[in-house]
Amino acid sequence: MQNDHSRLPQPSAIDFDQTPFVAIWETTRACDLACRHCRAEAIPDRSSEELSTDQGLALLTQLAEMGTPICVLSGGDPAKRPDLCTLVEHGARTGMRMATIPAATPLLTRQL
């Protein structure tokens, strides 16, 4: 997977009154852990109210079009989303720098 970060606007060219420098998307509240320090209020399974894959791809496209250079996918545990790699790859193809904040569970693999 190639990241074309050259398409990202330089920080000096970004109007931060209009565009966030970092977008953090809580992709799910689902998590197999219930850490006391976590503000996500974890639930065991994904909610039907979460964005679908198509909605998530559209969100990432919109963020990239706004010029947002960095997107962090968090949760809960974003690894609970079967489409996580699809979302990360799409965001990277738009030129954004992508990151995840996964939980330390068996779902965390080298692929993630």
PDB file of N, CA and C in Angstrom:
ATOM      1  N   MET A   1       0.845  -1.162   0.000  1.00  0.00           N
ATOM      2  CA  MET A   1       0.000   0.000   0.000  1.00  0.00           C
ATOM      3  C   MET A   1       0.896   1.233   0.000  1.00  0.00           C
ATOM      4  N   GLN A   2       0.710   2.087  -0.972  1.00  0.00           N
ATOM      5  CA  GLN A   2       1.490   3.310  -1.091  1.00  0.00           C
ATOM      6  C   GLN A   2       0.712   4.483  -0.510  1.00  0.00           C
ATOM      7  N   ASN A   3       1.377   5.302   0.261  1.00  0.00           N
ATOM      8  CA  ASN A   3       0.782   6.524   0.779  1.00  0.00           C
ATOM      9  C   ASN A   3       1.352   7.694   0.008  1.00  0.00           C
ATOM     10  N   ASP A   4       0.496   8.506  -0.555  1.00  0.00           N
ATOM     11  CA  ASP A   4       0.955   9.669  -1.299  1.00  0.00           C
ATOM     12  C   ASP A   4       0.797  10.907  -0.426  1.00  0.00           C
ATOM     13  N   HIS A   5       1.710  11.036   0.553  1.00  0.00           N
ATOM     14  CA  HIS A   5       1.633  12.167   1.471  1.00  0.00           C
ATOM     15  C   HIS A   5       1.996  13.480   0.795  1.00  0.00           C
ATOM     16  N   SER A   6       2.520  13.422  -0.429  1.00  0.00           N
ATOM     17  CA  SER A   6       2.843  14.665  -1.132  1.00  0.00           C
ATOM     18  C   SER A   6       1.578  15.442  -1.469  1.00  0.00           C
ATOM     19  N   ARG A   7       0.430  14.750  -1.497  1.00  0.00           N
ATOM     20  CA  ARG A   7      -0.829  15.438  -1.776  1.00  0.00           C
ATOM     21  C   ARG A   7      -1.363  16.185  -0.565  1.00  0.00           C
ATOM     22  N   LEU A   8      -0.806  15.907   0.604  1.00  0.00           N
ATOM     23  CA  LEU A   8      -1.272  16.593   1.800  1.00  0.00           C
ATOM     24  C   LEU A   8      -0.836  18.046   1.779  1.00  0.00           C
ATOM     25  N   PRO A   9      -1.718  18.937   2.205  1.00  0.00           N
ATOM     26  CA  PRO A   9      -1.288  20.325   2.292  1.00  0.00           C
ATOM     27  C   PRO A   9      -0.245  20.486   3.390  1.00  0.00           C
ATOM     28  N   GLN A  10       0.666  21.392   3.203  1.00  0.00           N
ATOM     29  CA  GLN A  10       1.647  21.690   4.232  1.00  0.00           C
ATOM     30  C   GLN A  10       0.931  22.381   5.391  1.00  0.00           C
ATOM     31  N   PRO A  11       1.341  22.115   6.644  1.00  0.00           N
ATOM     32  CA  PRO A  11       0.648  22.732   7.776  1.00  0.00           C
ATOM     33  C   PRO A  11       0.511  24.246   7.653  1.00  0.00           C
ATOM     34  N   SER A  12       1.486  24.895   7.074  1.00  0.00           N
ATOM     35  CA  SER A  12       1.395  26.352   6.933  1.00  0.00           C
ATOM     36  C   SER A  12       0.312  26.766   5.948  1.00  0.00           C
ATOM     37  N   ALA A  13      -0.134  25.820   5.101  1.00  0.00           N
ATOM     38  CA  ALA A  13      -1.161  26.131   4.105  1.00  0.00           C
ATOM     39  C   ALA A  13      -2.564  25.773   4.586  1.00  0.00           C
ATOM     40  N   ILE A  14      -2.690  25.197   5.766  1.00  0.00           N
ATOM     41  CA  ILE A  14      -3.991  24.768   6.272  1.00  0.00           C
ATOM     42  C   ILE A  14      -4.596  25.869   7.130  1.00  0.00           C
ATOM     43  N   ASP A  15      -5.841  26.201   6.854  1.00  0.00           N
ATOM     44  CA  ASP A  15      -6.582  27.151   7.681  1.00  0.00           C
ATOM     45  C   ASP A  15      -7.266  26.341   8.780  1.00  0.00           C
ATOM     46  N   PHE A  16      -6.672  26.327   9.967  1.00  0.00           N
ATOM     47  CA  PHE A  16      -7.190  25.495  11.041  1.00  0.00           C
ATOM     48  C   PHE A  16      -8.504  26.013  11.609  1.00  0.00           C
ATOM     49  N   ASP A  17      -8.949  27.178  11.176  1.00  0.00           N
ATOM     50  CA  ASP A  17     -10.293  27.623  11.527  1.00  0.00           C
ATOM     51  C   ASP A  17     -11.335  26.895  10.685  1.00  0.00           C
ATOM     52  N   GLN A  18     -10.895  26.285   9.586  1.00  0.00           N
ATOM     53  CA  GLN A  18     -11.798  25.592   8.669  1.00  0.00           C
ATOM     54  C   GLN A  18     -11.558  24.088   8.606  1.00  0.00           C
ATOM     55  N   THR A  19     -10.343  23.657   8.881  1.00  0.00           N
ATOM     56  CA  THR A  19      -9.954  22.261   8.700  1.00  0.00           C
ATOM     57  C   THR A  19      -9.223  21.753   9.933  1.00  0.00           C
ATOM     58  N   PRO A  20      -9.644  20.605  10.478  1.00  0.00           N
ATOM     59  CA  PRO A  20      -8.897  20.051  11.610  1.00  0.00           C
ATOM     60  C   PRO A  20      -7.567  19.464  11.151  1.00  0.00           C
ATOM     61  N   PHE A  21      -6.557  19.549  12.008  1.00  0.00           N
ATOM     62  CA  PHE A  21      -5.263  18.946  11.705  1.00  0.00           C
ATOM     63  C   PHE A  21      -5.329  17.435  11.904  1.00  0.00           C
ATOM     64  N   VAL A  22      -6.085  17.016  12.918  1.00  0.00           N
ATOM     65  CA  VAL A  22      -6.252  15.600  13.224  1.00  0.00           C
ATOM     66  C   VAL A  22      -7.741  15.321  13.411  1.00  0.00           C
ATOM     67  N   ALA A  23      -8.214  14.255  12.791  1.00  0.00           N
ATOM     68  CA  ALA A  23      -9.582  13.788  13.031  1.00  0.00           C
ATOM     69  C   ALA A  23      -9.491  12.460  13.765  1.00  0.00           C
ATOM     70  N   ILE A  24     -10.216  12.341  14.861  1.00  0.00           N
ATOM     71  CA  ILE A  24     -10.256  11.096  15.616  1.00  0.00           C
ATOM     72  C   ILE A  24     -11.680  10.565  15.535  1.00  0.00           C
ATOM     73  N   TRP A  25     -11.823   9.415  14.898  1.00  0.00           N
ATOM     74  CA  TRP A  25     -13.137   8.812  14.690  1.00  0.00           C
ATOM     75  C   TRP A  25     -13.267   7.604  15.606  1.00  0.00           C
ATOM     76  N   GLU A  26     -14.222   7.659  16.518  1.00  0.00           N
ATOM     77  CA  GLU A  26     -14.518   6.507  17.367  1.00  0.00           C
ATOM     78  C   GLU A  26     -15.365   5.557  16.532  1.00  0.00           C
ATOM     79  N   THR A  27     -14.711   4.597  15.909  1.00  0.00           N
ATOM     80  CA  THR A  27     -15.355   3.720  14.930  1.00  0.00           C
ATOM     81  C   THR A  27     -16.361   2.759  15.554  1.00  0.00           C
ATOM     82  N   THR A  28     -16.179   2.459  16.826  1.00  0.00           N
ATOM     83  CA  THR A  28     -17.068   1.530  17.531  1.00  0.00           C
ATOM     84  C   THR A  28     -16.855   1.697  19.025  1.00  0.00           C
ATOM     85  N   ARG A  29     -17.875   1.359  19.793  1.00  0.00           N
ATOM     86  CA  ARG A  29     -17.715   1.279  21.243  1.00  0.00           C
ATOM     87  C   ARG A  29     -17.458  -0.160  21.660  1.00  0.00           C
ATOM     88  N   ALA A  30     -17.585  -1.087  20.720  1.00  0.00           N
ATOM     89  CA  ALA A  30     -17.394  -2.504  21.030  1.00  0.00           C
ATOM     90  C   ALA A  30     -15.949  -2.775  21.437  1.00  0.00           C
ATOM     91  N   CYS A  31     -15.799  -3.520  22.520  1.00  0.00           N
ATOM     92  CA  CYS A  31     -14.463  -3.886  22.990  1.00  0.00           C
ATOM     93  C   CYS A  31     -14.605  -5.073  23.931  1.00  0.00           C
ATOM     94  N   ASP A  32     -13.638  -5.983  23.870  1.00  0.00           N
ATOM     95  CA  ASP A  32     -13.659  -7.152  24.748  1.00  0.00           C
ATOM     96  C   ASP A  32     -13.100  -6.841  26.133  1.00  0.00           C
ATOM     97  N   LEU A  33     -12.607  -5.636  26.310  1.00  0.00           N
ATOM     98  CA  LEU A  33     -12.071  -5.210  27.600  1.00  0.00           C
ATOM     99  C   LEU A  33     -13.009  -4.175  28.216  1.00  0.00           C
ATOM    100  N   ALA A  34     -12.844  -3.929  29.479  1.00  0.00           N
ATOM    101  CA  ALA A  34     -13.605  -2.883  30.162  1.00  0.00           C
ATOM    102  C   ALA A  34     -12.640  -2.122  31.065  1.00  0.00           C
ATOM    103  N   CYS A  35     -11.691  -1.450  30.451  1.00  0.00           N
ATOM    104  CA  CYS A  35     -10.647  -0.746  31.197  1.00  0.00           C
ATOM    105  C   CYS A  35     -11.245   0.446  31.944  1.00  0.00           C
ATOM    106  N   ARG A  36     -10.881   0.587  33.193  1.00  0.00           N
ATOM    107  CA  ARG A  36     -11.427   1.670  34.019  1.00  0.00           C
ATOM    108  C   ARG A  36     -11.015   3.038  33.499  1.00  0.00           C
ATOM    109  N   HIS A  37      -9.845   3.124  32.887  1.00  0.00           N
ATOM    110  CA  HIS A  37      -9.347   4.414  32.420  1.00  0.00           C
ATOM    111  C   HIS A  37      -9.947   4.833  31.077  1.00  0.00           C
ATOM    112  N   CYS A  38     -10.633   3.922  30.395  1.00  0.00           N
ATOM    113  CA  CYS A  38     -11.120   4.202  29.044  1.00  0.00           C
ATOM    114  C   CYS A  38     -12.397   5.032  29.091  1.00  0.00           C
ATOM    115  N   ARG A  39     -12.446   6.064  28.302  1.00  0.00           N
ATOM    116  CA  ARG A  39     -13.614   6.928  28.259  1.00  0.00           C
ATOM    117  C   ARG A  39     -14.649   6.443  27.247  1.00  0.00           C
ATOM    118  N   ALA A  40     -14.387   5.340  26.558  1.00  0.00           N
ATOM    119  CA  ALA A  40     -15.271   4.890  25.484  1.00  0.00           C
ATOM    120  C   ALA A  40     -16.522   4.164  25.977  1.00  0.00           C
ATOM    121  N   GLU A  41     -16.614   3.845  27.262  1.00  0.00           N
ATOM    122  CA  GLU A  41     -17.762   3.107  27.782  1.00  0.00           C
ATOM    123  C   GLU A  41     -18.043   1.885  26.912  1.00  0.00           C
ATOM    124  N   ALA A  42     -17.117   0.961  26.941  1.00  0.00           N
ATOM    125  CA  ALA A  42     -17.145  -0.213  26.068  1.00  0.00           C
ATOM    126  C   ALA A  42     -18.415  -1.036  26.243  1.00  0.00           C
ATOM    127  N   ILE A  43     -18.843  -1.602  25.122  1.00  0.00           N
ATOM    128  CA  ILE A  43     -19.944  -2.556  25.088  1.00  0.00           C
ATOM    129  C   ILE A  43     -19.414  -3.804  24.385  1.00  0.00           C
ATOM    130  N   PRO A  44     -19.992  -4.983  24.636  1.00  0.00           N
ATOM    131  CA  PRO A  44     -19.396  -6.203  24.084  1.00  0.00           C
ATOM    132  C   PRO A  44     -19.511  -6.340  22.566  1.00  0.00           C
ATOM    133  N   ASP A  45     -20.587  -5.841  21.990  1.00  0.00           N
ATOM    134  CA  ASP A  45     -20.818  -6.024  20.556  1.00  0.00           C
ATOM    135  C   ASP A  45     -21.019  -4.684  19.865  1.00  0.00           C
ATOM    136  N   ARG A  46     -20.833  -4.696  18.564  1.00  0.00           N
ATOM    137  CA  ARG A  46     -21.007  -3.478  17.774  1.00  0.00           C
ATOM    138  C   ARG A  46     -22.467  -3.035  17.792  1.00  0.00           C
ATOM    139  N   SER A  47     -22.665  -1.734  17.694  1.00  0.00           N
ATOM    140  CA  SER A  47     -24.000  -1.147  17.686  1.00  0.00           C
ATOM    141  C   SER A  47     -24.490  -0.956  16.255  1.00  0.00           C
ATOM    142  N   SER A  48     -25.780  -1.088  16.054  1.00  0.00           N
ATOM    143  CA  SER A  48     -26.367  -0.837  14.733  1.00  0.00           C
ATOM    144  C   SER A  48     -26.315   0.647  14.373  1.00  0.00           C
ATOM    145  N   GLU A  49     -26.000   1.498  15.335  1.00  0.00           N
ATOM    146  CA  GLU A  49     -25.913   2.937  15.093  1.00  0.00           C
ATOM    147  C   GLU A  49     -24.551   3.372  14.557  1.00  0.00           C
ATOM    148  N   GLU A  50     -23.595   2.451  14.494  1.00  0.00           N
ATOM    149  CA  GLU A  50     -22.277   2.795  13.954  1.00  0.00           C
ATOM    150  C   GLU A  50     -22.377   3.066  12.459  1.00  0.00           C
ATOM    151  N   LEU A  51     -21.437   3.836  11.953  1.00  0.00           N
ATOM    152  CA  LEU A  51     -21.392   4.065  10.513  1.00  0.00           C
ATOM    153  C   LEU A  51     -21.143   2.747   9.787  1.00  0.00           C
ATOM    154  N   SER A  52     -21.814   2.560   8.668  1.00  0.00           N
ATOM    155  CA  SER A  52     -21.571   1.391   7.821  1.00  0.00           C
ATOM    156  C   SER A  52     -20.226   1.569   7.118  1.00  0.00           C
ATOM    157  N   THR A  53     -19.788   0.542   6.430  1.00  0.00           N
ATOM    158  CA  THR A  53     -18.545   0.653   5.662  1.00  0.00           C
ATOM    159  C   THR A  53     -18.649   1.783   4.647  1.00  0.00           C
ATOM    160  N   ASP A  54     -19.742   1.823   3.884  1.00  0.00           N
ATOM    161  CA  ASP A  54     -19.895   2.873   2.869  1.00  0.00           C
ATOM    162  C   ASP A  54     -19.919   4.261   3.492  1.00  0.00           C
ATOM    163  N   GLN A  55     -20.591   4.404   4.631  1.00  0.00           N
ATOM    164  CA  GLN A  55     -20.617   5.697   5.315  1.00  0.00           C
ATOM    165  C   GLN A  55     -19.228   6.067   5.823  1.00  0.00           C
ATOM    166  N   GLY A  56     -18.495   5.078   6.329  1.00  0.00           N
ATOM    167  CA  GLY A  56     -17.136   5.324   6.800  1.00  0.00           C
ATOM    168  C   GLY A  56     -16.208   5.742   5.675  1.00  0.00           C
ATOM    169  N   LEU A  57     -16.322   5.077   4.526  1.00  0.00           N
ATOM    170  CA  LEU A  57     -15.504   5.454   3.369  1.00  0.00           C
ATOM    171  C   LEU A  57     -15.828   6.875   2.932  1.00  0.00           C
ATOM    172  N   ALA A  58     -17.109   7.220   2.937  1.00  0.00           N
ATOM    173  CA  ALA A  58     -17.516   8.579   2.561  1.00  0.00           C
ATOM    174  C   ALA A  58     -16.970   9.601   3.556  1.00  0.00           C
ATOM    175  N   LEU A  59     -17.009   9.274   4.847  1.00  0.00           N
ATOM    176  CA  LEU A  59     -16.465  10.175   5.864  1.00  0.00           C
ATOM    177  C   LEU A  59     -14.979  10.416   5.632  1.00  0.00           C
ATOM    178  N   LEU A  60     -14.233   9.351   5.389  1.00  0.00           N
ATOM    179  CA  LEU A  60     -12.794   9.486   5.153  1.00  0.00           C
ATOM    180  C   LEU A  60     -12.519  10.324   3.904  1.00  0.00           C
ATOM    181  N   THR A  61     -13.299  10.131   2.867  1.00  0.00           N
ATOM    182  CA  THR A  61     -13.144  10.933   1.650  1.00  0.00           C
ATOM    183  C   THR A  61     -13.401  12.403   1.951  1.00  0.00           C
ATOM    184  N   GLN A  62     -14.448  12.686   2.720  1.00  0.00           N
ATOM    185  CA  GLN A  62     -14.763  14.073   3.076  1.00  0.00           C
ATOM    186  C   GLN A  62     -13.641  14.704   3.895  1.00  0.00           C
ATOM    187  N   LEU A  63     -13.098  13.949   4.847  1.00  0.00           N
ATOM    188  CA  LEU A  63     -11.990  14.474   5.653  1.00  0.00           C
ATOM    189  C   LEU A  63     -10.796  14.802   4.771  1.00  0.00           C
ATOM    190  N   ALA A  64     -10.482  13.913   3.842  1.00  0.00           N
ATOM    191  CA  ALA A  64      -9.351  14.152   2.939  1.00  0.00           C
ATOM    192  C   ALA A  64      -9.610  15.370   2.062  1.00  0.00           C
ATOM    193  N   GLU A  65     -10.831  15.509   1.564  1.00  0.00           N
ATOM    194  CA  GLU A  65     -11.161  16.658   0.717  1.00  0.00           C
ATOM    195  C   GLU A  65     -11.074  17.970   1.483  1.00  0.00           C
ATOM    196  N   MET A  66     -11.304  17.915   2.801  1.00  0.00           N
ATOM    197  CA  MET A  66     -11.167  19.110   3.638  1.00  0.00           C
ATOM    198  C   MET A  66      -9.705  19.476   3.851  1.00  0.00           C
ATOM    199  N   GLY A  67      -8.815  18.531   3.575  1.00  0.00           N
ATOM    200  CA  GLY A  67      -7.394  18.775   3.783  1.00  0.00           C
ATOM    201  C   GLY A  67      -6.886  18.273   5.117  1.00  0.00           C
ATOM    202  N   THR A  68      -7.680  17.465   5.812  1.00  0.00           N
ATOM    203  CA  THR A  68      -7.257  16.909   7.094  1.00  0.00           C
ATOM    204  C   THR A  68      -6.099  15.943   6.851  1.00  0.00           C
ATOM    205  N   PRO A  69      -4.919  16.218   7.412  1.00  0.00           N
ATOM    206  CA  PRO A  69      -3.765  15.377   7.094  1.00  0.00           C
ATOM    207  C   PRO A  69      -3.661  14.078   7.880  1.00  0.00           C
ATOM    208  N   ILE A  70      -4.284  14.002   9.060  1.00  0.00           N
ATOM    209  CA  ILE A  70      -4.125  12.831   9.916  1.00  0.00           C
ATOM    210  C   ILE A  70      -5.496  12.368  10.398  1.00  0.00           C
ATOM    211  N   CYS A  71      -5.718  11.051  10.327  1.00  0.00           N
ATOM    212  CA  CYS A  71      -6.963  10.472  10.832  1.00  0.00           C
ATOM    213  C   CYS A  71      -6.621   9.293  11.728  1.00  0.00           C
ATOM    214  N   VAL A  72      -7.187   9.298  12.931  1.00  0.00           N
ATOM    215  CA  VAL A  72      -6.968   8.234  13.907  1.00  0.00           C
ATOM    216  C   VAL A  72      -8.290   7.495  14.107  1.00  0.00           C
ATOM    217  N   LEU A  73      -8.264   6.184  13.939  1.00  0.00           N
ATOM    218  CA  LEU A  73      -9.447   5.357  14.161  1.00  0.00           C
ATOM    219  C   LEU A  73      -9.331   4.742  15.548  1.00  0.00           C
ATOM    220  N   SER A  74     -10.296   5.060  16.404  1.00  0.00           N
ATOM    221  CA  SER A  74     -10.248   4.593  17.781  1.00  0.00           C
ATOM    222  C   SER A  74     -11.513   3.817  18.105  1.00  0.00           C
ATOM    223  N   GLY A  75     -11.703   3.529  19.357  1.00  0.00           N
ATOM    224  CA  GLY A  75     -12.890   2.836  19.806  1.00  0.00           C
ATOM    225  C   GLY A  75     -13.025   3.048  21.307  1.00  0.00           C
ATOM    226  N   GLY A  76     -13.667   2.185  21.906  1.00  0.00           N
ATOM    227  CA  GLY A  76     -13.744   0.758  21.874  1.00  0.00           C
ATOM    228  C   GLY A  76     -12.467   0.183  21.254  1.00  0.00           C
ATOM    229  N   ASP A  77     -12.682  -0.882  20.566  1.00  0.00           N
ATOM    230  CA  ASP A  77     -11.586  -1.539  19.860  1.00  0.00           C
ATOM    231  C   ASP A  77     -11.904  -1.536  18.374  1.00  0.00           C
ATOM    232  N   PRO A  78     -11.223  -0.697  17.593  1.00  0.00           N
ATOM    233  CA  PRO A  78     -11.514  -0.655  16.161  1.00  0.00           C
ATOM    234  C   PRO A  78     -11.300  -2.003  15.475  1.00  0.00           C
ATOM    235  N   ALA A  79     -10.519  -2.893  16.078  1.00  0.00           N
ATOM    236  CA  ALA A  79     -10.315  -4.216  15.491  1.00  0.00           C
ATOM    237  C   ALA A  79     -11.592  -5.056  15.520  1.00  0.00           C
ATOM    238  N   LYS A  80     -12.607  -4.626  16.261  1.00  0.00           N
ATOM    239  CA  LYS A  80     -13.900  -5.316  16.262  1.00  0.00           C
ATOM    240  C   LYS A  80     -14.665  -5.063  14.960  1.00  0.00           C
ATOM    241  N   ARG A  81     -14.198  -4.102  14.153  1.00  0.00           N
ATOM    242  CA  ARG A  81     -14.827  -3.830  12.861  1.00  0.00           C
ATOM    243  C   ARG A  81     -14.170  -4.710  11.806  1.00  0.00           C
ATOM    244  N   PRO A  82     -14.916  -5.577  11.138  1.00  0.00           N
ATOM    245  CA  PRO A  82     -14.314  -6.418  10.104  1.00  0.00           C
ATOM    246  C   PRO A  82     -13.818  -5.613   8.905  1.00  0.00           C
ATOM    247  N   ASP A  83     -14.271  -4.374   8.776  1.00  0.00           N
ATOM    248  CA  ASP A  83     -13.862  -3.523   7.650  1.00  0.00           C
ATOM    249  C   ASP A  83     -12.717  -2.582   8.002  1.00  0.00           C
ATOM    250  N   LEU A  84     -12.063  -2.793   9.143  1.00  0.00           N
ATOM    251  CA  LEU A  84     -11.027  -1.860   9.585  1.00  0.00           C
ATOM    252  C   LEU A  84      -9.920  -1.683   8.547  1.00  0.00           C
ATOM    253  N   CYS A  85      -9.408  -2.763   8.000  1.00  0.00           N
ATOM    254  CA  CYS A  85      -8.327  -2.653   7.010  1.00  0.00           C
ATOM    255  C   CYS A  85      -8.806  -1.910   5.767  1.00  0.00           C
ATOM    256  N   THR A  86     -10.043  -2.144   5.356  1.00  0.00           N
ATOM    257  CA  THR A  86     -10.611  -1.431   4.208  1.00  0.00           C
ATOM    258  C   THR A  86     -10.639   0.065   4.476  1.00  0.00           C
ATOM    259  N   LEU A  87     -11.059   0.449   5.679  1.00  0.00           N
ATOM    260  CA  LEU A  87     -11.124   1.870   6.039  1.00  0.00           C
ATOM    261  C   LEU A  87      -9.728   2.493   6.064  1.00  0.00           C
ATOM    262  N   VAL A  88      -8.781   1.801   6.688  1.00  0.00           N
ATOM    263  CA  VAL A  88      -7.412   2.327   6.769  1.00  0.00           C
ATOM    264  C   VAL A  88      -6.810   2.466   5.371  1.00  0.00           C
ATOM    265  N   GLU A  89      -6.969   1.445   4.549  1.00  0.00           N
ATOM    266  CA  GLU A  89      -6.411   1.492   3.192  1.00  0.00           C
ATOM    267  C   GLU A  89      -7.038   2.618   2.376  1.00  0.00           C
ATOM    268  N   HIS A  90      -8.343   2.807   2.505  1.00  0.00           N
ATOM    269  CA  HIS A  90      -9.009   3.882   1.765  1.00  0.00           C
ATOM    270  C   HIS A  90      -8.488   5.248   2.219  1.00  0.00           C
ATOM    271  N   GLY A  91      -8.411   5.438   3.526  1.00  0.00           N
ATOM    272  CA  GLY A  91      -7.903   6.707   4.037  1.00  0.00           C
ATOM    273  C   GLY A  91      -6.488   6.984   3.563  1.00  0.00           C
ATOM    274  N   ALA A  92      -5.649   5.956   3.557  1.00  0.00           N
ATOM    275  CA  ALA A  92      -4.266   6.119   3.094  1.00  0.00           C
ATOM    276  C   ALA A  92      -4.224   6.456   1.608  1.00  0.00           C
ATOM    277  N   ARG A  93      -5.104   5.830   0.821  1.00  0.00           N
ATOM    278  CA  ARG A  93      -5.140   6.132  -0.618  1.00  0.00           C
ATOM    279  C   ARG A  93      -5.552   7.581  -0.890  1.00  0.00           C
ATOM    280  N   THR A  94      -6.323   8.172   0.007  1.00  0.00           N
ATOM    281  CA  THR A  94      -6.710   9.573  -0.178  1.00  0.00           C
ATOM    282  C   THR A  94      -5.562  10.516   0.155  1.00  0.00           C
ATOM    283  N   GLY A  95      -4.498   9.972   0.752  1.00  0.00           N
ATOM    284  CA  GLY A  95      -3.343  10.782   1.105  1.00  0.00           C
ATOM    285  C   GLY A  95      -3.242  11.095   2.580  1.00  0.00           C
ATOM    286  N   MET A  96      -4.249  10.702   3.368  1.00  0.00           N
ATOM    287  CA  MET A  96      -4.169  10.972   4.803  1.00  0.00           C
ATOM    288  C   MET A  96      -3.204  10.002   5.468  1.00  0.00           C
ATOM    289  N   ARG A  97      -2.601  10.448   6.536  1.00  0.00           N
ATOM    290  CA  ARG A  97      -1.828   9.555   7.400  1.00  0.00           C
ATOM    291  C   ARG A  97      -2.840   8.900   8.329  1.00  0.00           C
ATOM    292  N   MET A  98      -2.843   7.586   8.341  1.00  0.00           N
ATOM    293  CA  MET A  98      -3.828   6.842   9.113  1.00  0.00           C
ATOM    294  C   MET A  98      -3.168   6.172  10.311  1.00  0.00           C
ATOM    295  N   ALA A  99      -3.905   6.144  11.424  1.00  0.00           N
ATOM    296  CA  ALA A  99      -3.440   5.466  12.632  1.00  0.00           C
ATOM    297  C   ALA A  99      -4.644   4.812  13.297  1.00  0.00           C
ATOM    298  N   THR A 100      -4.380   3.784  14.079  1.00  0.00           N
ATOM    299  CA  THR A 100      -5.434   3.152  14.867  1.00  0.00           C
ATOM    300  C   THR A 100      -5.000   3.116  16.321  1.00  0.00           C
ATOM    301  N   ILE A 101      -5.986   3.046  17.193  1.00  0.00           N
ATOM    302  CA  ILE A 101      -5.733   2.856  18.617  1.00  0.00           C
ATOM    303  C   ILE A 101      -6.480   1.586  19.019  1.00  0.00           C
ATOM    304  N   PRO A 102      -5.867   0.420  18.780  1.00  0.00           N
ATOM    305  CA  PRO A 102      -6.548  -0.838  19.089  1.00  0.00           C
ATOM    306  C   PRO A 102      -6.386  -1.215  20.558  1.00  0.00           C
ATOM    307  N   ALA A 103      -7.249  -2.109  21.008  1.00  0.00           N
ATOM    308  CA  ALA A 103      -7.117  -2.683  22.343  1.00  0.00           C
ATOM    309  C   ALA A 103      -6.140  -3.858  22.270  1.00  0.00           C
ATOM    310  N   ALA A 104      -5.525  -4.159  23.381  1.00  0.00           N
ATOM    311  CA  ALA A 104      -4.562  -5.269  23.437  1.00  0.00           C
ATOM    312  C   ALA A 104      -5.316  -6.573  23.677  1.00  0.00           C
ATOM    313  N   THR A 105      -5.969  -7.046  22.619  1.00  0.00           N
ATOM    314  CA  THR A 105      -6.726  -8.296  22.667  1.00  0.00           C
ATOM    315  C   THR A 105      -6.201  -9.213  21.564  1.00  0.00           C
ATOM    316  N   PRO A 106      -6.651 -10.459  21.516  1.00  0.00           N
ATOM    317  CA  PRO A 106      -6.221 -11.353  20.429  1.00  0.00           C
ATOM    318  C   PRO A 106      -6.605 -10.856  19.032  1.00  0.00           C
ATOM    319  N   LEU A 107      -7.507  -9.885  18.934  1.00  0.00           N
ATOM    320  CA  LEU A 107      -7.853  -9.324  17.624  1.00  0.00           C
ATOM    321  C   LEU A 107      -6.709  -8.504  17.038  1.00  0.00           C
ATOM    322  N   LEU A 108      -5.795  -8.075  17.882  1.00  0.00           N
ATOM    323  CA  LEU A 108      -4.651  -7.277  17.431  1.00  0.00           C
ATOM    324  C   LEU A 108      -3.634  -8.210  16.774  1.00  0.00           C
ATOM    325  N   THR A 109      -3.504  -8.095  15.464  1.00  0.00           N
ATOM    326  CA  THR A 109      -2.599  -8.947  14.696  1.00  0.00           C
ATOM    327  C   THR A 109      -1.549  -8.091  14.005  1.00  0.00           C
ATOM    328  N   ARG A 110      -0.564  -8.733  13.417  1.00  0.00           N
ATOM    329  CA  ARG A 110       0.466  -8.002  12.673  1.00  0.00           C
ATOM    330  C   ARG A 110      -0.130  -7.241  11.499  1.00  0.00           C
ATOM    331  N   GLN A 111      -1.193  -7.778  10.905  1.00  0.00           N
ATOM    332  CA  GLN A 111      -1.829  -7.099   9.774  1.00  0.00           C
ATOM    333  C   GLN A 111      -2.346  -5.725  10.188  1.00  0.00           C
ATOM    334  N   LEU A 112      -2.852  -5.616  11.411  1.00  0.00           N
ATOM    335  CA  LEU A 112      -3.350  -4.333  11.887  1.00  0.00           C
ATOM    336  C   LEU A 112      -2.201  -3.446  12.275  1.00  0.00           C
TER     337      LEU A 112
END
